[in-house]
N, C-alpha and C. Protein backbone atom coordinates (compact mmCIF):
# COMPACT_ATOMS: atom_id res chain seq x y z
N UNK A 1 155.87 90.99 93.13
CA UNK A 1 156.99 91.88 92.96
C UNK A 1 156.63 93.26 93.43
N UNK A 2 155.56 93.79 92.91
CA UNK A 2 155.19 95.16 93.23
C UNK A 2 154.79 95.29 94.69
N UNK A 3 154.25 94.22 95.28
CA UNK A 3 153.84 94.27 96.67
C UNK A 3 155.04 94.49 97.59
N UNK A 4 156.12 93.72 97.38
CA UNK A 4 157.32 93.89 98.20
C UNK A 4 157.94 95.25 98.00
N UNK A 5 157.99 95.72 96.76
CA UNK A 5 158.56 97.04 96.48
C UNK A 5 157.71 98.13 97.12
N UNK A 6 156.39 97.98 97.05
CA UNK A 6 155.50 98.97 97.63
C UNK A 6 155.64 99.00 99.15
N UNK A 7 155.78 97.84 99.77
CA UNK A 7 155.96 97.77 101.22
C UNK A 7 157.26 98.46 101.61
N UNK A 8 158.35 98.20 100.88
CA UNK A 8 159.63 98.84 101.16
C UNK A 8 159.51 100.35 100.98
N UNK A 9 158.83 100.79 99.93
CA UNK A 9 158.65 102.21 99.67
C UNK A 9 157.85 102.86 100.80
N UNK A 10 156.77 102.24 101.21
CA UNK A 10 155.94 102.80 102.29
C UNK A 10 156.74 102.90 103.59
N UNK A 11 157.54 101.90 103.90
CA UNK A 11 158.34 101.92 105.11
C UNK A 11 159.31 103.10 105.11
N UNK A 12 160.01 103.29 103.99
CA UNK A 12 160.98 104.39 103.91
C UNK A 12 160.26 105.74 103.94
N UNK A 13 159.12 105.83 103.27
CA UNK A 13 158.37 107.09 103.26
C UNK A 13 157.87 107.44 104.66
N UNK A 14 157.30 106.47 105.36
CA UNK A 14 156.80 106.73 106.71
C UNK A 14 157.95 107.09 107.65
N UNK A 15 159.08 106.43 107.48
CA UNK A 15 160.24 106.74 108.31
C UNK A 15 160.70 108.17 108.04
N UNK A 16 160.71 108.58 106.80
CA UNK A 16 161.11 109.94 106.45
C UNK A 16 160.15 110.97 107.03
N UNK A 17 158.85 110.71 106.93
CA UNK A 17 157.86 111.64 107.49
C UNK A 17 157.99 111.72 109.00
N UNK A 18 158.27 110.59 109.67
CA UNK A 18 158.42 110.58 111.11
C UNK A 18 159.63 111.40 111.54
N UNK A 19 160.77 111.23 110.86
CA UNK A 19 161.98 111.99 111.19
C UNK A 19 161.74 113.48 110.99
N UNK A 20 161.05 113.85 109.91
CA UNK A 20 160.76 115.27 109.67
C UNK A 20 159.86 115.86 110.74
N UNK A 21 158.96 115.06 111.30
CA UNK A 21 158.07 115.58 112.33
C UNK A 21 158.80 115.79 113.66
N UNK A 22 159.97 115.16 113.83
CA UNK A 22 160.74 115.32 115.05
C UNK A 22 161.73 116.48 114.98
N UNK A 23 161.87 117.09 113.83
CA UNK A 23 162.86 118.17 113.69
C UNK A 23 162.45 119.35 114.57
N UNK A 24 163.44 120.06 115.15
CA UNK A 24 163.14 121.15 116.06
C UNK A 24 162.38 122.27 115.37
N UNK A 25 161.45 122.85 116.08
CA UNK A 25 160.65 123.95 115.57
C UNK A 25 161.26 125.26 116.05
N UNK A 26 161.29 126.24 115.18
CA UNK A 26 161.81 127.55 115.54
C UNK A 26 160.70 128.35 116.22
N UNK A 27 161.10 129.18 117.19
CA UNK A 27 160.12 129.96 117.93
C UNK A 27 159.71 131.23 117.18
N UNK A 28 160.53 131.68 116.22
CA UNK A 28 160.18 132.89 115.49
C UNK A 28 159.05 132.59 114.51
N UNK A 29 158.16 133.56 114.32
CA UNK A 29 157.05 133.32 113.41
C UNK A 29 157.57 133.13 111.98
N UNK A 30 156.97 132.20 111.29
CA UNK A 30 157.38 131.89 109.94
C UNK A 30 156.26 132.27 108.98
N UNK A 31 156.64 132.59 107.77
CA UNK A 31 155.60 132.79 106.78
C UNK A 31 154.95 131.45 106.47
N UNK A 32 153.80 131.51 105.84
CA UNK A 32 153.09 130.29 105.47
C UNK A 32 154.04 129.38 104.68
N UNK A 33 154.15 128.10 105.08
CA UNK A 33 155.07 127.20 104.38
C UNK A 33 154.65 127.03 102.92
N UNK A 34 155.68 126.91 102.09
CA UNK A 34 155.40 126.70 100.68
C UNK A 34 154.79 125.31 100.49
N UNK A 35 153.91 125.23 99.53
CA UNK A 35 153.34 123.94 99.18
C UNK A 35 154.40 123.15 98.41
N UNK A 36 154.34 121.85 98.52
CA UNK A 36 155.32 121.03 97.83
C UNK A 36 154.72 119.70 97.41
N UNK A 37 155.06 119.31 96.21
CA UNK A 37 154.73 117.98 95.71
C UNK A 37 156.05 117.27 95.45
N UNK A 38 156.20 116.08 95.99
CA UNK A 38 157.40 115.28 95.79
C UNK A 38 157.02 114.03 95.01
N UNK A 39 157.79 113.76 93.97
CA UNK A 39 157.59 112.56 93.17
C UNK A 39 158.83 111.71 93.38
N UNK A 40 158.63 110.43 93.73
CA UNK A 40 159.78 109.58 94.04
C UNK A 40 159.52 108.12 93.69
N UNK A 41 160.60 107.36 93.59
CA UNK A 41 160.51 105.94 93.32
C UNK A 41 161.88 105.29 93.49
N UNK A 42 161.93 103.99 93.24
CA UNK A 42 163.16 103.21 93.42
C UNK A 42 163.50 102.45 92.15
N UNK A 43 164.78 102.12 92.01
CA UNK A 43 165.25 101.24 90.95
C UNK A 43 166.05 100.13 91.62
N UNK A 44 165.77 98.88 91.23
CA UNK A 44 166.47 97.75 91.83
C UNK A 44 166.90 96.75 90.77
N UNK A 45 167.81 95.86 91.17
CA UNK A 45 168.23 94.77 90.32
C UNK A 45 167.38 93.54 90.64
N UNK A 46 166.65 93.07 89.66
CA UNK A 46 165.82 91.88 89.78
C UNK A 46 166.69 90.67 89.43
N UNK A 47 167.50 90.24 90.38
CA UNK A 47 168.51 89.21 90.15
C UNK A 47 167.91 87.93 89.57
N UNK A 48 166.75 87.54 90.04
CA UNK A 48 166.14 86.28 89.59
C UNK A 48 165.23 86.46 88.38
N UNK A 49 165.14 87.68 87.85
CA UNK A 49 164.34 87.96 86.65
C UNK A 49 162.92 87.44 86.77
N UNK A 50 162.32 87.62 87.95
CA UNK A 50 160.95 87.14 88.16
C UNK A 50 159.98 88.28 88.48
N UNK A 51 160.38 89.49 88.16
CA UNK A 51 159.54 90.68 88.37
C UNK A 51 159.12 90.87 89.82
N UNK A 52 160.02 90.53 90.74
CA UNK A 52 159.75 90.78 92.15
C UNK A 52 161.05 91.07 92.88
N UNK A 53 160.92 91.76 93.99
CA UNK A 53 162.08 92.08 94.81
C UNK A 53 162.28 90.90 95.76
N UNK A 54 163.33 90.13 95.51
CA UNK A 54 163.60 88.92 96.30
C UNK A 54 164.76 89.17 97.26
N UNK A 55 165.13 88.13 98.01
CA UNK A 55 166.24 88.26 98.95
C UNK A 55 167.57 88.46 98.23
N UNK A 56 167.62 88.18 96.94
CA UNK A 56 168.84 88.37 96.16
C UNK A 56 168.87 89.73 95.45
N UNK A 57 167.74 90.42 95.42
CA UNK A 57 167.65 91.72 94.75
C UNK A 57 168.36 92.79 95.58
N UNK A 58 168.71 93.87 94.92
CA UNK A 58 169.33 95.00 95.62
C UNK A 58 168.99 96.29 94.89
N UNK A 59 168.98 97.40 95.64
CA UNK A 59 168.70 98.70 95.06
C UNK A 59 169.93 99.19 94.31
N UNK A 60 169.71 99.92 93.22
CA UNK A 60 170.79 100.33 92.34
C UNK A 60 171.03 101.84 92.39
N UNK A 61 172.27 102.22 92.59
CA UNK A 61 172.63 103.64 92.55
C UNK A 61 173.17 103.98 91.17
N UNK A 62 173.15 105.26 90.84
CA UNK A 62 173.71 105.72 89.57
C UNK A 62 172.84 105.46 88.36
N UNK A 63 171.54 105.23 88.56
CA UNK A 63 170.63 105.01 87.44
C UNK A 63 169.90 106.31 87.15
N UNK A 64 169.89 106.71 85.89
CA UNK A 64 169.20 107.94 85.51
C UNK A 64 167.75 107.62 85.15
N UNK A 65 166.83 108.40 85.73
CA UNK A 65 165.40 108.22 85.52
C UNK A 65 164.81 109.55 85.03
N UNK A 66 163.93 109.48 84.07
CA UNK A 66 163.24 110.68 83.56
C UNK A 66 161.83 110.69 84.12
N UNK A 67 161.45 111.83 84.72
CA UNK A 67 160.12 112.02 85.29
C UNK A 67 159.42 113.10 84.49
N UNK A 68 158.21 112.80 84.02
CA UNK A 68 157.41 113.77 83.29
C UNK A 68 156.03 113.81 83.95
N UNK A 69 155.61 114.99 84.37
CA UNK A 69 154.31 115.12 85.05
C UNK A 69 153.54 116.33 84.53
N UNK A 70 152.24 116.22 84.66
CA UNK A 70 151.32 117.32 84.34
C UNK A 70 150.30 117.38 85.47
N UNK A 71 150.22 118.55 86.09
CA UNK A 71 149.23 118.78 87.14
C UNK A 71 148.27 119.85 86.65
N UNK A 72 146.99 119.57 86.75
CA UNK A 72 145.98 120.50 86.28
C UNK A 72 144.94 120.66 87.37
N UNK A 73 144.65 121.91 87.71
CA UNK A 73 143.61 122.18 88.70
C UNK A 73 142.27 121.84 88.07
N UNK A 74 141.58 120.88 88.66
CA UNK A 74 140.28 120.45 88.14
C UNK A 74 139.19 121.27 88.82
N UNK A 75 139.12 122.53 88.45
CA UNK A 75 138.19 123.46 89.07
C UNK A 75 137.50 124.26 87.99
N UNK A 76 136.29 124.71 88.28
CA UNK A 76 135.56 125.52 87.31
C UNK A 76 136.07 126.96 87.28
N UNK A 77 136.85 127.36 88.30
CA UNK A 77 137.32 128.74 88.39
C UNK A 77 138.72 128.96 87.83
N UNK A 78 139.43 127.91 87.50
CA UNK A 78 140.78 128.07 86.99
C UNK A 78 141.09 127.02 85.94
N UNK A 79 142.03 127.35 85.08
CA UNK A 79 142.47 126.39 84.06
C UNK A 79 143.99 126.28 84.07
N UNK A 80 144.57 126.40 85.25
CA UNK A 80 146.03 126.33 85.38
C UNK A 80 146.53 124.91 85.17
N UNK A 81 147.62 124.81 84.44
CA UNK A 81 148.28 123.53 84.22
C UNK A 81 149.78 123.74 84.41
N UNK A 82 150.38 122.86 85.18
CA UNK A 82 151.82 122.87 85.36
C UNK A 82 152.35 121.58 84.76
N UNK A 83 153.26 121.70 83.81
CA UNK A 83 153.89 120.54 83.19
C UNK A 83 155.39 120.66 83.41
N UNK A 84 156.01 119.57 83.78
CA UNK A 84 157.46 119.61 83.97
C UNK A 84 158.06 118.25 83.65
N UNK A 85 159.35 118.28 83.39
CA UNK A 85 160.10 117.04 83.23
C UNK A 85 161.47 117.26 83.85
N UNK A 86 162.01 116.20 84.40
CA UNK A 86 163.31 116.27 85.05
C UNK A 86 163.98 114.91 84.97
N UNK A 87 165.30 114.92 84.88
CA UNK A 87 166.08 113.70 84.99
C UNK A 87 166.71 113.68 86.37
N UNK A 88 166.64 112.54 87.04
CA UNK A 88 167.25 112.37 88.35
C UNK A 88 168.05 111.08 88.34
N UNK A 89 169.10 111.06 89.16
CA UNK A 89 169.95 109.88 89.31
C UNK A 89 169.70 109.28 90.69
N UNK A 90 169.57 107.96 90.73
CA UNK A 90 169.30 107.30 92.01
C UNK A 90 170.49 107.43 92.95
N UNK A 91 170.18 107.53 94.24
CA UNK A 91 171.23 107.62 95.26
C UNK A 91 171.67 106.21 95.66
N UNK A 92 172.46 106.11 96.73
CA UNK A 92 172.99 104.80 97.14
C UNK A 92 171.90 103.82 97.59
N UNK A 93 170.69 104.32 97.84
CA UNK A 93 169.57 103.45 98.23
C UNK A 93 168.63 103.15 97.06
N UNK A 94 169.03 103.53 95.86
CA UNK A 94 168.21 103.29 94.68
C UNK A 94 167.05 104.26 94.55
N UNK A 95 167.05 105.33 95.32
CA UNK A 95 165.95 106.29 95.35
C UNK A 95 166.21 107.46 94.41
N UNK A 96 165.19 107.82 93.65
CA UNK A 96 165.22 109.07 92.88
C UNK A 96 164.02 109.88 93.34
N UNK A 97 164.18 111.21 93.33
CA UNK A 97 163.03 112.05 93.69
C UNK A 97 163.22 113.44 93.14
N UNK A 98 162.11 114.10 92.96
CA UNK A 98 162.08 115.49 92.52
C UNK A 98 160.98 116.19 93.32
N UNK A 99 161.27 117.40 93.77
CA UNK A 99 160.29 118.18 94.54
C UNK A 99 159.92 119.42 93.75
N UNK A 100 158.63 119.71 93.77
CA UNK A 100 158.11 120.90 93.11
C UNK A 100 157.52 121.78 94.20
N UNK A 101 158.14 122.91 94.46
CA UNK A 101 157.62 123.81 95.49
C UNK A 101 156.66 124.80 94.86
N UNK A 102 155.86 125.40 95.71
CA UNK A 102 154.88 126.42 95.32
C UNK A 102 153.76 125.86 94.46
N UNK A 103 153.56 124.57 94.50
CA UNK A 103 152.43 123.97 93.81
C UNK A 103 151.50 123.42 94.88
N UNK A 104 150.34 123.99 95.00
CA UNK A 104 149.42 123.70 96.09
C UNK A 104 148.74 122.36 95.88
N UNK A 105 148.87 121.48 96.84
CA UNK A 105 148.16 120.20 96.77
C UNK A 105 147.18 120.10 97.93
N UNK A 106 146.76 121.23 98.48
CA UNK A 106 145.85 121.24 99.62
C UNK A 106 144.55 120.50 99.30
N UNK A 107 144.03 120.73 98.13
CA UNK A 107 142.81 120.05 97.73
C UNK A 107 143.17 119.04 96.66
N UNK A 108 143.81 117.98 97.09
CA UNK A 108 144.36 116.99 96.16
C UNK A 108 143.27 116.31 95.33
N UNK A 109 142.05 116.29 95.83
CA UNK A 109 140.96 115.68 95.07
C UNK A 109 140.67 116.46 93.79
N UNK A 110 140.99 117.76 93.79
CA UNK A 110 140.75 118.59 92.61
C UNK A 110 142.01 118.82 91.79
N UNK A 111 143.06 118.09 92.07
CA UNK A 111 144.32 118.23 91.34
C UNK A 111 144.48 117.02 90.42
N UNK A 112 144.03 117.18 89.19
CA UNK A 112 144.17 116.09 88.22
C UNK A 112 145.63 116.00 87.82
N UNK A 113 146.16 114.80 87.75
CA UNK A 113 147.58 114.66 87.43
C UNK A 113 147.83 113.44 86.56
N UNK A 114 148.92 113.53 85.84
CA UNK A 114 149.44 112.37 85.13
C UNK A 114 150.95 112.45 85.22
N UNK A 115 151.56 111.37 85.66
CA UNK A 115 153.02 111.32 85.81
C UNK A 115 153.54 110.01 85.26
N UNK A 116 154.78 110.06 84.82
CA UNK A 116 155.43 108.87 84.29
C UNK A 116 156.90 108.92 84.65
N UNK A 117 157.46 107.79 85.03
CA UNK A 117 158.90 107.67 85.27
C UNK A 117 159.43 106.61 84.31
N UNK A 118 160.59 106.90 83.72
CA UNK A 118 161.18 105.99 82.74
C UNK A 118 162.68 105.86 82.97
N UNK A 119 163.19 104.64 82.77
CA UNK A 119 164.63 104.42 82.83
C UNK A 119 165.29 105.11 81.64
N UNK A 120 166.36 105.84 81.90
CA UNK A 120 167.13 106.47 80.83
C UNK A 120 168.40 105.67 80.61
N UNK A 121 169.10 105.36 81.67
CA UNK A 121 170.33 104.60 81.55
C UNK A 121 171.07 104.57 82.87
N UNK A 122 172.27 104.03 82.84
CA UNK A 122 173.09 103.93 84.04
C UNK A 122 174.32 104.78 83.89
N UNK A 123 174.64 105.51 84.93
CA UNK A 123 175.85 106.33 84.92
C UNK A 123 177.03 105.55 85.49
N UNK A 124 176.74 104.52 86.29
CA UNK A 124 177.78 103.74 86.94
C UNK A 124 177.75 102.34 86.36
N UNK A 125 178.74 102.01 85.55
CA UNK A 125 178.77 100.70 84.91
C UNK A 125 179.73 99.74 85.60
N UNK A 126 180.11 100.03 86.84
CA UNK A 126 181.02 99.13 87.56
C UNK A 126 180.36 97.79 87.83
N UNK A 127 179.03 97.78 87.95
CA UNK A 127 178.28 96.53 88.14
C UNK A 127 177.62 96.18 86.82
N UNK A 128 178.30 95.40 85.99
CA UNK A 128 177.75 95.05 84.69
C UNK A 128 176.90 93.79 84.75
N UNK A 129 176.73 93.22 85.94
CA UNK A 129 175.96 91.98 86.05
C UNK A 129 174.46 92.22 85.96
N UNK A 130 174.03 93.45 86.12
CA UNK A 130 172.60 93.74 86.10
C UNK A 130 172.38 94.96 85.20
N UNK A 131 172.31 94.70 83.89
CA UNK A 131 172.26 95.83 82.97
C UNK A 131 171.20 95.72 81.88
N UNK A 132 170.30 94.76 81.97
CA UNK A 132 169.22 94.63 80.99
C UNK A 132 167.96 95.25 81.60
N UNK A 133 167.39 96.28 80.97
CA UNK A 133 166.19 96.90 81.54
C UNK A 133 165.04 95.90 81.68
N UNK A 134 164.38 95.92 82.83
CA UNK A 134 163.19 95.10 83.08
C UNK A 134 161.97 95.99 82.95
N UNK A 135 161.46 96.47 84.09
CA UNK A 135 160.38 97.46 84.04
C UNK A 135 161.02 98.80 83.69
N UNK A 136 160.74 99.29 82.48
CA UNK A 136 161.36 100.51 81.98
C UNK A 136 160.56 101.77 82.28
N UNK A 137 159.25 101.63 82.36
CA UNK A 137 158.37 102.79 82.53
C UNK A 137 157.25 102.44 83.49
N UNK A 138 156.87 103.42 84.31
CA UNK A 138 155.72 103.21 85.18
C UNK A 138 154.89 104.48 85.26
N UNK A 139 153.60 104.29 85.27
CA UNK A 139 152.68 105.39 85.53
C UNK A 139 151.87 105.08 86.80
N UNK A 140 152.05 103.86 87.32
CA UNK A 140 151.35 103.47 88.54
C UNK A 140 151.95 104.24 89.71
N UNK A 141 151.09 104.85 90.49
CA UNK A 141 151.58 105.66 91.60
C UNK A 141 150.63 105.59 92.77
N UNK A 142 151.17 105.90 93.93
CA UNK A 142 150.41 105.98 95.17
C UNK A 142 150.58 107.40 95.69
N UNK A 143 149.53 107.98 96.22
CA UNK A 143 149.58 109.35 96.70
C UNK A 143 149.45 109.38 98.21
N UNK A 144 150.34 110.15 98.86
CA UNK A 144 150.28 110.38 100.30
C UNK A 144 150.19 111.88 100.51
N UNK A 145 149.27 112.31 101.35
CA UNK A 145 149.14 113.73 101.66
C UNK A 145 149.42 113.94 103.13
N UNK A 146 150.31 114.88 103.43
CA UNK A 146 150.65 115.19 104.81
C UNK A 146 149.55 116.01 105.45
N UNK A 147 149.17 115.64 106.67
CA UNK A 147 148.17 116.39 107.42
C UNK A 147 148.78 117.62 108.07
N UNK A 148 150.08 117.63 108.33
CA UNK A 148 150.75 118.72 109.04
C UNK A 148 151.16 119.86 108.13
N UNK A 149 151.46 119.57 106.91
CA UNK A 149 151.91 120.62 106.00
C UNK A 149 151.20 120.46 104.67
N UNK A 150 151.38 121.44 103.85
CA UNK A 150 150.75 121.40 102.53
C UNK A 150 151.67 120.68 101.56
N UNK A 151 151.80 119.37 101.75
CA UNK A 151 152.68 118.60 100.88
C UNK A 151 152.06 117.27 100.51
N UNK A 152 152.40 116.83 99.33
CA UNK A 152 151.93 115.54 98.82
C UNK A 152 153.14 114.78 98.29
N UNK A 153 153.08 113.47 98.38
CA UNK A 153 154.13 112.61 97.84
C UNK A 153 153.48 111.62 96.88
N UNK A 154 153.97 111.62 95.65
CA UNK A 154 153.58 110.63 94.66
C UNK A 154 154.69 109.59 94.61
N UNK A 155 154.36 108.36 94.91
CA UNK A 155 155.34 107.29 94.88
C UNK A 155 155.06 106.35 93.73
N UNK A 156 156.04 106.16 92.86
CA UNK A 156 155.89 105.26 91.71
C UNK A 156 156.20 103.83 92.10
N UNK A 157 155.62 102.88 91.36
CA UNK A 157 156.06 101.50 91.45
C UNK A 157 157.52 101.45 90.99
N UNK A 158 158.25 100.47 91.47
CA UNK A 158 159.69 100.38 91.20
C UNK A 158 159.99 100.04 89.75
N UNK A 159 161.11 100.58 89.28
CA UNK A 159 161.67 100.24 87.99
C UNK A 159 162.82 99.27 88.26
N UNK A 160 163.22 98.47 87.24
CA UNK A 160 164.30 97.53 87.53
C UNK A 160 165.14 97.19 86.31
N UNK A 161 166.29 96.62 86.61
CA UNK A 161 167.18 96.01 85.63
C UNK A 161 167.30 94.53 86.00
N UNK A 162 167.80 93.73 85.05
CA UNK A 162 168.01 92.30 85.27
C UNK A 162 169.38 91.90 84.73
N UNK A 163 169.87 90.78 85.21
CA UNK A 163 171.11 90.27 84.60
C UNK A 163 170.81 89.67 83.23
N UNK A 164 171.84 89.54 82.41
CA UNK A 164 171.68 88.96 81.08
C UNK A 164 171.23 87.51 81.18
N UNK A 165 171.83 86.76 82.11
CA UNK A 165 171.47 85.36 82.33
C UNK A 165 171.00 85.18 83.76
N UNK A 166 169.98 84.38 83.95
CA UNK A 166 169.45 84.07 85.26
C UNK A 166 170.38 83.07 85.97
N UNK A 167 170.74 83.36 87.21
CA UNK A 167 171.62 82.50 87.99
C UNK A 167 170.78 81.36 88.60
N UNK A 168 170.89 80.18 88.03
CA UNK A 168 170.08 79.04 88.48
C UNK A 168 170.46 78.58 89.88
N UNK A 169 171.72 78.78 90.29
CA UNK A 169 172.13 78.41 91.64
C UNK A 169 171.44 79.28 92.69
N UNK A 170 171.28 80.56 92.40
CA UNK A 170 170.61 81.47 93.34
C UNK A 170 169.09 81.36 93.26
N UNK A 171 168.58 81.28 92.06
CA UNK A 171 167.14 81.47 91.85
C UNK A 171 166.38 80.19 91.52
N UNK A 172 167.07 79.11 91.27
CA UNK A 172 166.39 77.86 90.93
C UNK A 172 165.93 77.84 89.49
N UNK A 173 165.40 76.71 89.09
CA UNK A 173 164.90 76.55 87.72
C UNK A 173 163.43 76.90 87.70
N UNK A 174 163.11 77.90 86.95
CA UNK A 174 161.70 78.33 86.87
C UNK A 174 161.30 78.57 85.47
């Protein structure tokens, strides 16, 4: 389950980074770009209730997710800690994300962090076929650091909902 979700996440992330690298550059001198940390993940419907993203699964929009993170500079010269929490709603692709600007991730090896994403609920109840929480909370994350800019992306494993009853015609008897 997590392998397919992680592959989908990596594909979308790489595609996003590629598109951003193609954006036109301005000729006027710019100040040093702000540092940014982006935390993101997906929510999907696990139609077959087998904890994996199958051909019957789909990404869910309108799901509220709570993100809580703590970043601490692991350095002998500073004791700065940034703690934040935010609620985000998934878009039409099941993606939620939050960006924190002005937080330097240049030396990511010295940036101790702990983050968690949790399902809060659904804002869109038009699809009542997939409304039982499956994976409700995740702390598992993958970190990507951009070589071109001072930015890092923390990607969470996917969260999911399931239908109340498993559709045996679609998913078979398991």
